[in-house]
Protein backbone atom coordinates (compact mmCIF):
# COMPACT_ATOMS: atom_id res chain seq x y z
CA MET A 1 0.30 23.23 -1.20
CA ASN A 2 2.08 21.98 -3.92
CA THR A 3 2.25 18.06 -4.78
CA ARG A 4 5.81 17.77 -3.71
CA ARG A 5 5.29 19.42 -0.48
CA GLU A 6 1.82 17.95 0.28
CA TYR A 7 3.16 13.75 -0.18
CA ARG A 8 5.98 14.98 2.10
CA PHE A 9 4.10 15.69 4.58
CA LYS A 10 1.99 12.47 4.36
CA LEU A 11 5.40 10.52 5.28
CA ILE A 12 4.41 11.29 8.87
CA SER A 13 6.12 7.90 10.16
CA ASN A 14 9.21 9.34 9.08
CA ARG A 15 8.99 12.95 9.70
CA LYS A 16 7.03 12.52 13.19
CA PRO A 17 8.08 9.23 14.76
CA HIS A 18 6.75 10.29 18.37
CA SER A 19 3.06 11.84 17.25
CA PRO A 20 -0.04 9.80 18.23
CA VAL A 21 -0.48 9.33 14.10
CA SER A 22 2.74 7.39 14.52
CA ASP A 23 1.91 5.82 17.44
CA ALA A 24 -1.14 4.25 15.61
CA TYR A 25 0.59 3.33 12.40
CA ARG A 26 3.29 1.27 14.93
CA GLY A 27 0.03 -0.56 16.81
CA ILE A 28 -1.20 -1.49 13.22
CA ARG A 29 2.55 -2.84 12.59
CA THR A 30 2.30 -4.81 15.37
CA ASN A 31 -1.04 -6.70 14.68
CA ILE A 32 0.28 -7.70 11.56
CA GLN A 33 3.60 -8.78 13.37
CA PHE A 34 1.79 -11.03 15.25
CA LEU A 35 -0.39 -12.38 12.30
CA LYS A 36 2.65 -12.41 10.32
CA ARG A 37 4.23 -15.10 12.67
CA LYS A 38 0.89 -17.23 12.56
CA ASN A 39 0.30 -17.10 9.20
CA ASP A 40 3.35 -16.73 7.21
CA ILE A 41 2.17 -13.39 5.60
CA LYS A 42 4.97 -11.29 3.60
CA SER A 43 2.55 -9.61 1.32
CA ILE A 44 -0.38 -7.16 1.61
CA LEU A 45 -2.46 -5.29 -0.41
CA VAL A 46 -3.80 -2.01 0.55
CA THR A 47 -7.13 -0.92 -0.85
CA SER A 48 -10.37 1.23 -0.30
CA THR A 49 -13.89 1.48 -1.40
CA ARG A 50 -13.04 4.88 -3.63
CA ALA A 51 -10.39 7.22 -4.21
CA GLY A 52 -9.55 9.52 -1.71
CA GLU A 53 -9.81 7.57 1.32
CA GLY A 54 -6.55 7.63 2.53
CA LYS A 55 -5.01 4.31 1.25
CA SER A 56 -1.67 5.16 -0.26
CA LEU A 57 -1.24 7.49 3.00
CA THR A 58 -1.90 4.48 4.93
CA CYS A 59 0.49 2.16 2.52
CA ILE A 60 3.08 4.73 2.65
CA ASN A 61 3.55 5.38 6.39
CA LEU A 62 2.76 1.62 7.41
CA ALA A 63 5.86 0.59 5.18
CA ILE A 64 8.23 2.98 6.86
CA ALA A 65 6.96 2.02 10.34
CA MET A 66 7.32 -1.91 9.06
CA ALA A 67 11.42 -0.65 7.76
CA GLN A 68 11.89 1.02 11.43
CA THR A 69 11.47 -2.66 13.05
CA ASN A 70 14.87 -3.27 10.59
CA MET A 71 12.31 -5.36 8.38
CA LYS A 72 13.76 -5.52 5.03
CA THR A 73 10.43 -3.95 3.53
CA LEU A 74 9.32 -3.53 -0.16
CA TYR A 75 6.59 -1.03 -1.20
CA VAL A 76 5.12 -1.68 -4.48
CA ASP A 77 3.11 1.27 -6.28
CA ALA A 78 0.43 -1.16 -8.03
CA ASP A 79 -2.25 1.65 -8.84
CA LEU A 80 -1.35 1.81 -12.63
CA ARG A 81 -4.44 4.16 -13.01
CA ARG A 82 -3.20 6.94 -10.46
CA PRO A 83 0.14 6.14 -9.35
CA GLY A 84 1.80 8.85 -6.42
CA VAL A 85 4.86 7.07 -4.47
CA HIS A 86 7.13 8.74 -7.00
CA ARG A 87 6.01 11.87 -5.95
CA ALA A 88 6.24 11.29 -1.67
CA PHE A 89 9.83 10.08 -2.16
CA VAL A 90 11.11 11.84 -5.19
CA LEU A 91 11.79 9.31 -7.46
CA SER A 92 11.57 8.84 -11.04
CA ASN A 93 8.72 6.99 -12.72
CA GLU A 94 9.96 6.70 -16.21
CA THR A 95 10.70 2.85 -15.53
CA GLY A 96 8.48 0.93 -12.93
CA LEU A 97 6.33 -2.07 -12.47
CA THR A 98 4.11 -1.67 -15.68
CA SER A 99 7.79 -1.58 -17.76
CA TYR A 100 8.34 -4.92 -16.06
CA LEU A 101 5.26 -6.34 -16.31
CA LEU A 102 5.72 -5.50 -20.12
CA GLY A 103 9.18 -6.92 -20.59
CA GLU A 104 10.75 -3.86 -21.23
CA CYS A 105 13.68 -4.20 -18.04
CA ASP A 106 14.27 -6.24 -15.45
CA LEU A 107 13.62 -6.57 -11.85
CA GLU A 108 17.20 -4.35 -10.67
CA THR A 109 16.18 -1.51 -12.78
CA VAL A 110 12.75 -0.88 -11.19
CA VAL A 111 13.54 -1.55 -7.67
CA HIS A 112 15.00 1.91 -6.08
CA GLU A 113 16.94 0.16 -3.12
CA GLU A 114 16.99 1.55 0.26
CA VAL A 115 15.18 4.65 -0.34
CA MET A 116 15.09 4.53 3.63
CA ALA A 117 16.95 2.75 5.70
CA ASN A 118 15.42 -1.04 5.20
CA LEU A 119 12.50 0.36 3.01
CA SER A 120 12.97 -0.24 -1.35
CA ILE A 121 10.65 1.05 -3.69
CA VAL A 122 8.52 -0.30 -7.01
CA THR A 123 6.84 2.97 -8.44
CA ALA A 124 4.41 2.47 -10.76
CA GLY A 125 5.48 3.51 -14.40
CA PRO A 126 4.08 4.62 -17.24
CA VAL A 127 0.12 4.77 -17.17
CA PRO A 128 -0.96 1.61 -19.15
CA MET A 129 -3.58 1.34 -21.60
CA ASN A 130 -4.50 -2.45 -20.13
CA PRO A 131 -3.86 -2.11 -16.31
CA VAL A 132 -6.25 -5.13 -16.12
CA GLU A 133 -4.37 -7.50 -18.18
CA LEU A 134 -0.93 -6.47 -17.12
CA LEU A 135 -2.37 -7.35 -13.39
CA GLU A 136 -3.55 -10.70 -14.67
CA SER A 137 -0.50 -11.71 -16.37
CA PRO A 138 1.96 -14.52 -15.15
CA SER A 139 4.33 -11.65 -14.90
CA MET A 140 2.45 -10.18 -11.76
CA THR A 141 2.33 -13.59 -10.10
CA GLN A 142 6.44 -14.12 -10.73
CA PHE A 143 7.26 -10.20 -9.79
CA LEU A 144 5.31 -11.03 -6.26
CA GLU A 145 6.99 -14.70 -5.59
CA LYS A 146 10.18 -12.99 -7.06
CA MET A 147 10.24 -10.04 -4.84
CA ALA A 148 8.88 -12.52 -1.43
CA ASP A 149 12.37 -14.18 -1.71
CA ARG A 150 13.84 -10.95 -1.04
CA TYR A 151 11.95 -9.33 1.18
CA GLU A 152 10.61 -9.75 4.51
CA MET A 153 7.09 -7.74 4.22
CA ILE A 154 5.78 -6.67 0.64
CA LEU A 155 2.99 -4.16 0.60
CA VAL A 156 0.78 -3.47 -2.30
CA ASP A 157 -0.65 -0.35 -3.02
CA SER A 158 -3.45 -0.90 -5.52
CA SER A 159 -6.41 1.18 -7.24
CA PRO A 160 -9.56 1.29 -5.10
CA MET A 161 -12.06 -1.26 -5.16
CA ILE A 162 -14.60 0.55 -7.95
CA VAL A 163 -12.38 -1.11 -10.42
CA PRO A 164 -10.99 -4.61 -10.82
CA ASP A 165 -7.66 -4.14 -10.25
CA ALA A 166 -7.48 -4.65 -6.60
CA SER A 167 -9.90 -7.36 -6.89
CA ILE A 168 -7.14 -9.02 -8.93
CA LEU A 169 -4.00 -8.12 -6.43
CA ALA A 170 -6.07 -9.40 -3.30
CA MET A 171 -5.97 -12.93 -4.97
CA LEU A 172 -2.41 -12.71 -5.30
CA THR A 173 -1.32 -11.73 -1.86
CA ASP A 174 -1.36 -13.07 1.54
CA GLY A 175 -3.87 -10.88 2.82
CA CYS A 176 -5.82 -7.45 2.48
CA ILE A 177 -6.08 -3.98 4.44
CA PHE A 178 -9.17 -2.32 3.96
CA VAL A 179 -9.12 1.63 4.47
CA VAL A 180 -12.39 3.73 5.05
CA GLU A 181 -12.75 7.53 5.76
CA ALA A 182 -14.17 8.42 8.70
CA GLN A 183 -17.22 10.70 7.93
CA LYS A 184 -17.13 10.02 4.51
CA THR A 185 -17.05 6.47 3.32
CA LYS A 186 -20.43 5.42 2.89
CA ARG A 187 -21.90 2.11 5.21
CA ALA A 188 -23.14 0.01 2.11
CA SER A 189 -20.27 0.99 -0.21
CA ALA A 190 -17.75 -0.30 2.00
CA GLN A 191 -20.04 -3.28 2.91
CA ARG A 192 -20.59 -4.13 -0.92
CA ALA A 193 -16.42 -4.07 -1.62
CA ILE A 194 -15.76 -6.40 1.66
CA GLN A 195 -18.40 -8.61 0.42
CA GLN A 196 -16.36 -9.08 -2.71
CA LEU A 197 -13.47 -9.49 -1.46
CA LYS A 198 -15.02 -12.20 0.80
CA LYS A 199 -16.58 -14.05 -2.57
CA LEU A 200 -12.72 -14.46 -3.64
CA HIS A 201 -11.66 -15.84 -0.53
CA VAL A 202 -9.31 -13.13 0.10
CA ASN A 203 -7.78 -12.92 3.82
CA ILE A 204 -8.77 -9.84 5.00
CA LEU A 205 -6.48 -8.62 7.93
CA GLY A 206 -8.45 -5.59 9.12
CA VAL A 207 -9.86 -2.37 8.62
CA VAL A 208 -8.08 0.90 8.78
CA LEU A 209 -10.26 4.22 10.36
CA ASN A 210 -8.89 7.19 8.48
CA LYS A 211 -9.32 10.71 9.31
CA GLN A 212 -10.57 10.29 12.57
CA LYS A 213 -10.64 13.69 14.39
CA GLU A 214 -9.89 13.18 17.74
CA LYS A 215 -10.35 16.91 20.15
CA TYR A 216 -7.48 16.11 22.13
CA LEU A 217 -4.76 15.56 19.27
CA SER A 218 -3.05 18.24 17.70
CA GLU A 219 -2.74 16.57 14.22
CA ASP A 220 -5.62 16.36 12.20
CA TYR A 221 -5.48 12.94 11.27
CA TYR A 222 -6.05 10.05 13.32
CA TYR A 223 -6.08 5.97 12.45
CA SER A 224 -7.49 3.11 14.35
CA TYR A 225 -7.33 -0.91 13.46
């Protein structure tokens, strides 16, 4: 399977809205909407212990699920080391978040408006030499503040916790969703990552169990929250 087809298949909330997996994403969405009403949450980071556990898959489909409720949603690919959302939606990545943070373009240039109904996307842009410095810069804080004025919900996809990027972004957002892969994520590694987030006083909204196979489902993946 080539990369483009693989990423299109992952947009299951859009391609198969009545599947059990899409139902699971809607369940997560309902929980977030409840928390949003109580705590005024507008920006959520999605991360994991390591690469390949499904954080981007979760973030992409959750963003679609949010947009399907007519909520004006923004997906930000802040994984500046291995960006991928531009392939999922077949978008140009010549300019993106890194371009804005480096002062090379304005917000209007980096936002792909209404890629789907109610869903806009900011791609990561060219991979930088100094991702940590860019994410720690005042420009990143300003970016999120400006976007919070324009959108009802911002979902931020970050690098996994094995690099400091996720910790930086977790402190800039209103909450964090942690993704673990069934039968693969090591308990000790996940515990260390979550403890690190707690030390930073990050608002951990919940944990998504990814790739949990269920015999009664026709799909390969099932998600619980």
